[in-house]
Amino acid sequence: MINNTAIASFEGPRRGYVFPMEYVDEGMISQGQRRTLTNLIYTYIQGESEQEARIRELDDLSYSEAENCILDFSFARWK
């Protein structure tokens, strides 16, 4: 019976490779992110004109920017 095991970690036998950001195709905001942000905007932003302005800004967000916005709402770090 063989009981040898390999532990995968950054220092272990299998090393991960982190791609530079210029090579990662980030993509635009997903439909799920758009739906979540729209609900958060209607819940936490006062004033119809401010809500509509924030919703119009969603079209220009990347995937990671949308994630950061969702986190901002989650931690109440509004801009």
Protein backbone atom coordinates (compact mmCIF):
# COMPACT_ATOMS: atom_id res chain seq x y z
CA MET A 1 0.00 0.00 0.00
CA ILE A 2 1.35 3.43 -0.99
CA ASN A 3 0.48 6.38 1.26
CA ASN A 4 2.39 9.13 -0.53
CA THR A 5 0.35 12.27 -1.14
CA ALA A 6 1.21 15.50 -2.88
CA ILE A 7 -0.04 18.74 -1.42
CA ALA A 8 -0.97 21.29 -4.07
CA SER A 9 -0.02 24.83 -3.10
CA PHE A 10 1.95 27.69 -4.56
CA GLU A 11 5.08 26.31 -2.91
CA GLY A 12 4.21 22.65 -3.60
CA PRO A 13 4.69 20.45 -6.65
CA ARG A 14 1.98 22.14 -8.73
CA ARG A 15 2.50 25.83 -9.23
CA GLY A 16 -0.20 28.19 -10.41
CA TYR A 17 0.42 30.74 -13.12
CA VAL A 18 -1.16 34.17 -12.88
CA PHE A 19 -1.86 35.77 -16.24
CA PRO A 20 -1.02 39.44 -16.67
CA MET A 21 -4.17 41.56 -16.87
CA GLU A 22 -3.52 42.67 -20.45
CA TYR A 23 -3.97 39.06 -21.59
CA VAL A 24 -7.21 38.42 -19.71
CA ASP A 25 -10.39 39.16 -21.66
CA GLU A 26 -12.52 40.51 -18.86
CA GLY A 27 -15.76 41.05 -20.73
CA MET A 28 -18.67 43.25 -19.95
CA ILE A 29 -21.14 43.15 -17.08
CA SER A 30 -23.18 39.92 -16.92
CA GLN A 31 -26.98 39.82 -16.88
CA GLY A 32 -26.93 38.52 -13.31
CA GLN A 33 -24.72 41.39 -12.19
CA ARG A 34 -26.96 43.88 -14.01
CA ARG A 35 -30.05 42.44 -12.31
CA THR A 36 -28.38 42.51 -8.88
CA LEU A 37 -27.12 46.08 -9.30
CA THR A 38 -30.48 47.28 -10.59
CA ASN A 39 -32.21 45.85 -7.51
CA LEU A 40 -29.59 47.40 -5.22
CA ILE A 41 -29.92 50.79 -6.92
CA TYR A 42 -33.71 50.81 -6.56
CA THR A 43 -33.38 49.70 -2.92
CA TYR A 44 -30.64 52.05 -1.69
CA ILE A 45 -30.55 55.11 -3.98
CA GLN A 46 -33.09 57.84 -3.32
CA GLY A 47 -34.56 59.91 -6.12
CA GLU A 48 -35.81 58.68 -9.45
CA SER A 49 -33.40 60.78 -11.52
CA GLU A 50 -30.39 59.51 -9.53
CA GLN A 51 -31.60 55.92 -9.91
CA GLU A 52 -31.99 56.26 -13.67
CA ALA A 53 -28.55 57.88 -14.00
CA ARG A 54 -26.93 55.01 -12.09
CA ILE A 55 -28.75 52.41 -14.19
CA ARG A 56 -27.57 54.09 -17.43
CA GLU A 57 -23.96 53.83 -16.15
CA LEU A 58 -24.25 50.04 -15.91
CA ASP A 59 -23.79 49.65 -19.69
CA ASP A 60 -20.18 50.86 -19.47
CA LEU A 61 -19.07 48.61 -16.60
CA SER A 62 -16.72 45.67 -17.02
CA TYR A 63 -17.25 42.41 -15.14
CA SER A 64 -14.78 43.29 -12.37
CA GLU A 65 -16.09 46.85 -12.04
CA ALA A 66 -19.59 45.45 -11.59
CA GLU A 67 -18.29 43.07 -8.91
CA ASN A 68 -16.70 46.02 -7.11
CA CYS A 69 -19.97 47.98 -7.27
CA ILE A 70 -21.88 45.05 -5.79
CA LEU A 71 -19.30 44.86 -2.99
CA ASP A 72 -19.59 48.61 -2.41
CA PHE A 73 -23.33 48.26 -1.93
CA SER A 74 -22.83 45.21 0.30
CA PHE A 75 -20.43 47.08 2.58
CA ALA A 76 -22.29 50.43 2.27
CA ARG A 77 -19.31 52.17 0.62
CA TRP A 78 -21.43 54.28 -1.72
CA LYS A 79 -19.95 56.94 -3.95
